[in-house]
Amino acid sequence: MTAPSRYSCQEVVEKLDEYVDRALTSGEIASVEEHLQRCAECACEYRFESNLISEIRAKLRRIDLPPDLMSRISQMIREECDKEGE
């Protein structure tokens, strides 16, 4: 197994959203984690972004949605699909 490539601070900051969402390859994750272990500034940015996303997700879970929202969305999707199939 080869060692992960070293990312620059700019590269890590550009990948933080995907890293937080676990949308990177295992090699990219290893490179980001290696950088975060040695760079306090990027680690601070990661903690900030991770906490922000966690707070947003928590707030979204507390929002009461209209009970028929999913059926209205499904209906709109079906109508759009029917239009495309014509």
N, C-alpha and C. Protein backbone atom coordinates (compact mmCIF):
# COMPACT_ATOMS: atom_id res chain seq x y z
N MET A 1 0.85 -1.18 0.00
CA MET A 1 0.00 0.00 0.00
C MET A 1 0.89 1.23 0.00
N THR A 2 0.56 2.20 -0.84
CA THR A 2 1.37 3.40 -0.92
C THR A 2 0.90 4.43 0.10
N ALA A 3 1.83 5.29 0.51
CA ALA A 3 1.50 6.34 1.47
C ALA A 3 0.59 7.37 0.80
N PRO A 4 -0.33 7.97 1.56
CA PRO A 4 -1.21 8.97 0.98
C PRO A 4 -0.41 10.20 0.54
N SER A 5 -0.86 10.83 -0.54
CA SER A 5 -0.17 12.04 -0.98
C SER A 5 -0.47 13.16 0.00
N ARG A 6 0.46 14.09 0.10
CA ARG A 6 0.27 15.22 1.01
C ARG A 6 -0.52 16.31 0.30
N TYR A 7 -1.62 16.69 0.91
CA TYR A 7 -2.44 17.76 0.37
C TYR A 7 -1.97 19.09 0.93
N SER A 8 -2.13 20.14 0.14
CA SER A 8 -1.88 21.50 0.62
C SER A 8 -3.10 21.96 1.41
N CYS A 9 -2.95 23.06 2.12
CA CYS A 9 -4.09 23.61 2.87
C CYS A 9 -5.24 23.94 1.92
N GLN A 10 -4.93 24.51 0.77
CA GLN A 10 -5.97 24.86 -0.19
C GLN A 10 -6.72 23.62 -0.66
N GLU A 11 -6.00 22.55 -0.94
CA GLU A 11 -6.64 21.31 -1.39
C GLU A 11 -7.54 20.73 -0.30
N VAL A 12 -7.09 20.79 0.94
CA VAL A 12 -7.90 20.26 2.05
C VAL A 12 -9.16 21.09 2.22
N VAL A 13 -9.03 22.42 2.20
CA VAL A 13 -10.20 23.28 2.36
C VAL A 13 -11.20 23.03 1.23
N GLU A 14 -10.71 22.82 0.02
CA GLU A 14 -11.61 22.53 -1.10
C GLU A 14 -12.32 21.19 -0.94
N LYS A 15 -11.75 20.27 -0.20
CA LYS A 15 -12.34 18.93 -0.03
C LYS A 15 -13.11 18.75 1.27
N LEU A 16 -13.15 19.79 2.12
CA LEU A 16 -13.77 19.62 3.44
C LEU A 16 -15.24 19.24 3.37
N ASP A 17 -16.01 19.85 2.47
CA ASP A 17 -17.43 19.50 2.38
C ASP A 17 -17.60 18.02 2.08
N GLU A 18 -16.85 17.55 1.09
CA GLU A 18 -16.95 16.14 0.72
C GLU A 18 -16.40 15.24 1.83
N TYR A 19 -15.39 15.71 2.54
CA TYR A 19 -14.84 14.93 3.65
C TYR A 19 -15.87 14.78 4.76
N VAL A 20 -16.50 15.88 5.12
CA VAL A 20 -17.53 15.84 6.17
C VAL A 20 -18.67 14.91 5.77
N ASP A 21 -19.02 14.91 4.49
CA ASP A 21 -20.11 14.05 3.99
C ASP A 21 -19.64 12.64 3.66
N ARG A 22 -18.36 12.35 3.86
CA ARG A 22 -17.76 11.04 3.55
C ARG A 22 -17.98 10.68 2.08
N ALA A 23 -17.77 11.67 1.20
CA ALA A 23 -17.97 11.47 -0.23
C ALA A 23 -16.64 11.42 -0.98
N LEU A 24 -15.56 11.13 -0.28
CA LEU A 24 -14.24 11.01 -0.90
C LEU A 24 -13.83 9.55 -0.99
N THR A 25 -12.85 9.28 -1.82
CA THR A 25 -12.31 7.92 -1.87
C THR A 25 -11.51 7.66 -0.60
N SER A 26 -11.21 6.42 -0.33
CA SER A 26 -10.44 6.09 0.88
C SER A 26 -9.06 6.75 0.84
N GLY A 27 -8.46 6.85 -0.34
CA GLY A 27 -7.16 7.52 -0.46
C GLY A 27 -7.25 9.01 -0.17
N GLU A 28 -8.32 9.64 -0.67
CA GLU A 28 -8.51 11.07 -0.39
C GLU A 28 -8.78 11.30 1.09
N ILE A 29 -9.57 10.43 1.71
CA ILE A 29 -9.85 10.55 3.14
C ILE A 29 -8.55 10.45 3.93
N ALA A 30 -7.72 9.48 3.58
CA ALA A 30 -6.44 9.31 4.27
C ALA A 30 -5.56 10.55 4.12
N SER A 31 -5.55 11.14 2.93
CA SER A 31 -4.73 12.34 2.70
C SER A 31 -5.26 13.53 3.49
N VAL A 32 -6.56 13.69 3.52
CA VAL A 32 -7.15 14.79 4.28
C VAL A 32 -6.86 14.59 5.77
N GLU A 33 -7.06 13.38 6.28
CA GLU A 33 -6.83 13.11 7.71
C GLU A 33 -5.37 13.31 8.08
N GLU A 34 -4.46 12.91 7.20
CA GLU A 34 -3.04 13.11 7.46
C GLU A 34 -2.74 14.59 7.57
N HIS A 35 -3.33 15.40 6.69
CA HIS A 35 -3.11 16.84 6.72
C HIS A 35 -3.71 17.46 7.99
N LEU A 36 -4.92 17.03 8.34
CA LEU A 36 -5.58 17.58 9.52
C LEU A 36 -4.81 17.28 10.80
N GLN A 37 -4.11 16.16 10.82
CA GLN A 37 -3.31 15.81 12.00
C GLN A 37 -2.10 16.71 12.17
N ARG A 38 -1.60 17.28 11.08
CA ARG A 38 -0.39 18.08 11.18
C ARG A 38 -0.62 19.58 11.01
N CYS A 39 -1.85 19.98 10.65
CA CYS A 39 -2.13 21.39 10.39
C CYS A 39 -3.25 21.88 11.31
N ALA A 40 -2.90 22.64 12.32
CA ALA A 40 -3.88 23.12 13.29
C ALA A 40 -4.91 24.05 12.66
N GLU A 41 -4.49 24.86 11.71
CA GLU A 41 -5.42 25.80 11.07
C GLU A 41 -6.50 25.07 10.29
N CYS A 42 -6.11 24.08 9.51
CA CYS A 42 -7.09 23.30 8.75
C CYS A 42 -7.95 22.45 9.68
N ALA A 43 -7.37 21.93 10.75
CA ALA A 43 -8.15 21.15 11.71
C ALA A 43 -9.21 22.03 12.36
N CYS A 44 -8.87 23.28 12.63
CA CYS A 44 -9.84 24.22 13.19
C CYS A 44 -10.96 24.49 12.19
N GLU A 45 -10.61 24.68 10.93
CA GLU A 45 -11.60 24.90 9.87
C GLU A 45 -12.52 23.68 9.75
N TYR A 46 -11.93 22.48 9.83
CA TYR A 46 -12.72 21.25 9.76
C TYR A 46 -13.70 21.18 10.93
N ARG A 47 -13.23 21.46 12.14
CA ARG A 47 -14.12 21.41 13.31
C ARG A 47 -15.27 22.41 13.16
N PHE A 48 -14.94 23.61 12.68
CA PHE A 48 -15.98 24.62 12.48
C PHE A 48 -17.02 24.13 11.49
N GLU A 49 -16.57 23.64 10.33
CA GLU A 49 -17.49 23.19 9.28
C GLU A 49 -18.30 21.98 9.74
N SER A 50 -17.66 21.05 10.41
CA SER A 50 -18.34 19.87 10.88
C SER A 50 -19.42 20.23 11.91
N ASN A 51 -19.08 21.13 12.83
CA ASN A 51 -20.06 21.58 13.84
C ASN A 51 -21.21 22.33 13.19
N LEU A 52 -20.90 23.17 12.20
CA LEU A 52 -21.94 23.93 11.51
C LEU A 52 -22.92 22.99 10.82
N ILE A 53 -22.41 22.02 10.11
CA ILE A 53 -23.28 21.07 9.41
C ILE A 53 -24.11 20.27 10.41
N SER A 54 -23.51 19.86 11.51
CA SER A 54 -24.26 19.13 12.54
C SER A 54 -25.40 19.97 13.09
N GLU A 55 -25.13 21.24 13.34
CA GLU A 55 -26.17 22.14 13.86
C GLU A 55 -27.30 22.34 12.84
N ILE A 56 -26.93 22.50 11.58
CA ILE A 56 -27.95 22.67 10.53
C ILE A 56 -28.81 21.42 10.44
N ARG A 57 -28.18 20.25 10.44
CA ARG A 57 -28.95 19.00 10.37
C ARG A 57 -29.88 18.86 11.57
N ALA A 58 -29.40 19.23 12.74
CA ALA A 58 -30.24 19.15 13.95
C ALA A 58 -31.44 20.08 13.83
N LYS A 59 -31.23 21.29 13.33
CA LYS A 59 -32.34 22.23 13.17
C LYS A 59 -33.34 21.73 12.12
N LEU A 60 -32.84 21.16 11.04
CA LEU A 60 -33.74 20.65 10.01
C LEU A 60 -34.62 19.52 10.54
N ARG A 61 -34.08 18.71 11.43
CA ARG A 61 -34.89 17.61 12.00
C ARG A 61 -36.02 18.14 12.88
N ARG A 62 -35.90 19.36 13.36
CA ARG A 62 -36.93 19.92 14.24
C ARG A 62 -38.03 20.67 13.48
N ILE A 63 -37.87 20.81 12.17
CA ILE A 63 -38.87 21.54 11.38
C ILE A 63 -40.05 20.63 11.10
N ASP A 64 -41.24 21.13 11.40
CA ASP A 64 -42.46 20.39 11.10
C ASP A 64 -42.85 20.64 9.64
N LEU A 65 -42.89 19.58 8.88
CA LEU A 65 -43.27 19.67 7.48
C LEU A 65 -44.75 19.41 7.33
N PRO A 66 -45.37 20.01 6.32
CA PRO A 66 -46.78 19.71 6.07
C PRO A 66 -46.96 18.21 5.86
N PRO A 67 -48.00 17.62 6.41
CA PRO A 67 -48.16 16.16 6.33
C PRO A 67 -48.27 15.63 4.90
N ASP A 68 -48.74 16.44 3.96
CA ASP A 68 -48.90 15.95 2.59
C ASP A 68 -47.74 16.33 1.68
N LEU A 69 -46.65 16.84 2.24
CA LEU A 69 -45.53 17.30 1.42
C LEU A 69 -44.96 16.20 0.54
N MET A 70 -44.71 15.03 1.08
CA MET A 70 -44.12 13.94 0.30
C MET A 70 -45.04 13.51 -0.84
N SER A 71 -46.32 13.45 -0.59
CA SER A 71 -47.24 13.05 -1.67
C SER A 71 -47.30 14.12 -2.75
N ARG A 72 -47.23 15.40 -2.39
CA ARG A 72 -47.22 16.47 -3.39
C ARG A 72 -45.94 16.41 -4.22
N ILE A 73 -44.81 16.17 -3.57
CA ILE A 73 -43.53 16.08 -4.29
C ILE A 73 -43.56 14.88 -5.23
N SER A 74 -44.04 13.74 -4.75
CA SER A 74 -44.13 12.54 -5.59
C SER A 74 -45.02 12.79 -6.80
N GLN A 75 -46.12 13.47 -6.59
CA GLN A 75 -47.04 13.79 -7.68
C GLN A 75 -46.35 14.68 -8.71
N MET A 76 -45.62 15.68 -8.25
CA MET A 76 -44.91 16.58 -9.17
C MET A 76 -43.85 15.83 -9.97
N ILE A 77 -43.16 14.91 -9.33
CA ILE A 77 -42.15 14.10 -10.03
C ILE A 77 -42.81 13.24 -11.09
N ARG A 78 -43.94 12.59 -10.73
CA ARG A 78 -44.65 11.76 -11.70
C ARG A 78 -45.10 12.59 -12.91
N GLU A 79 -45.61 13.78 -12.64
CA GLU A 79 -46.07 14.65 -13.73
C GLU A 79 -44.91 15.05 -14.63
N GLU A 80 -43.76 15.36 -14.06
CA GLU A 80 -42.58 15.72 -14.86
C GLU A 80 -42.10 14.53 -15.69
N CYS A 81 -42.11 13.37 -15.08
CA CYS A 81 -41.70 12.15 -15.81
C CYS A 81 -42.66 11.87 -16.96
N ASP A 82 -43.95 12.07 -16.72
CA ASP A 82 -44.94 11.85 -17.78
C ASP A 82 -44.71 12.83 -18.93
N LYS A 83 -44.36 14.09 -18.62
CA LYS A 83 -44.10 15.10 -19.65
C LYS A 83 -42.90 14.70 -20.50
N GLU A 84 -41.86 14.17 -19.84
CA GLU A 84 -40.65 13.78 -20.55
C GLU A 84 -40.89 12.55 -21.43
N GLY A 85 -41.83 11.71 -21.03
CA GLY A 85 -42.12 10.49 -21.77
C GLY A 85 -43.00 10.73 -23.00
N GLU A 86 -43.56 11.90 -23.11
CA GLU A 86 -44.47 12.19 -24.25
C GLU A 86 -43.71 12.39 -25.53
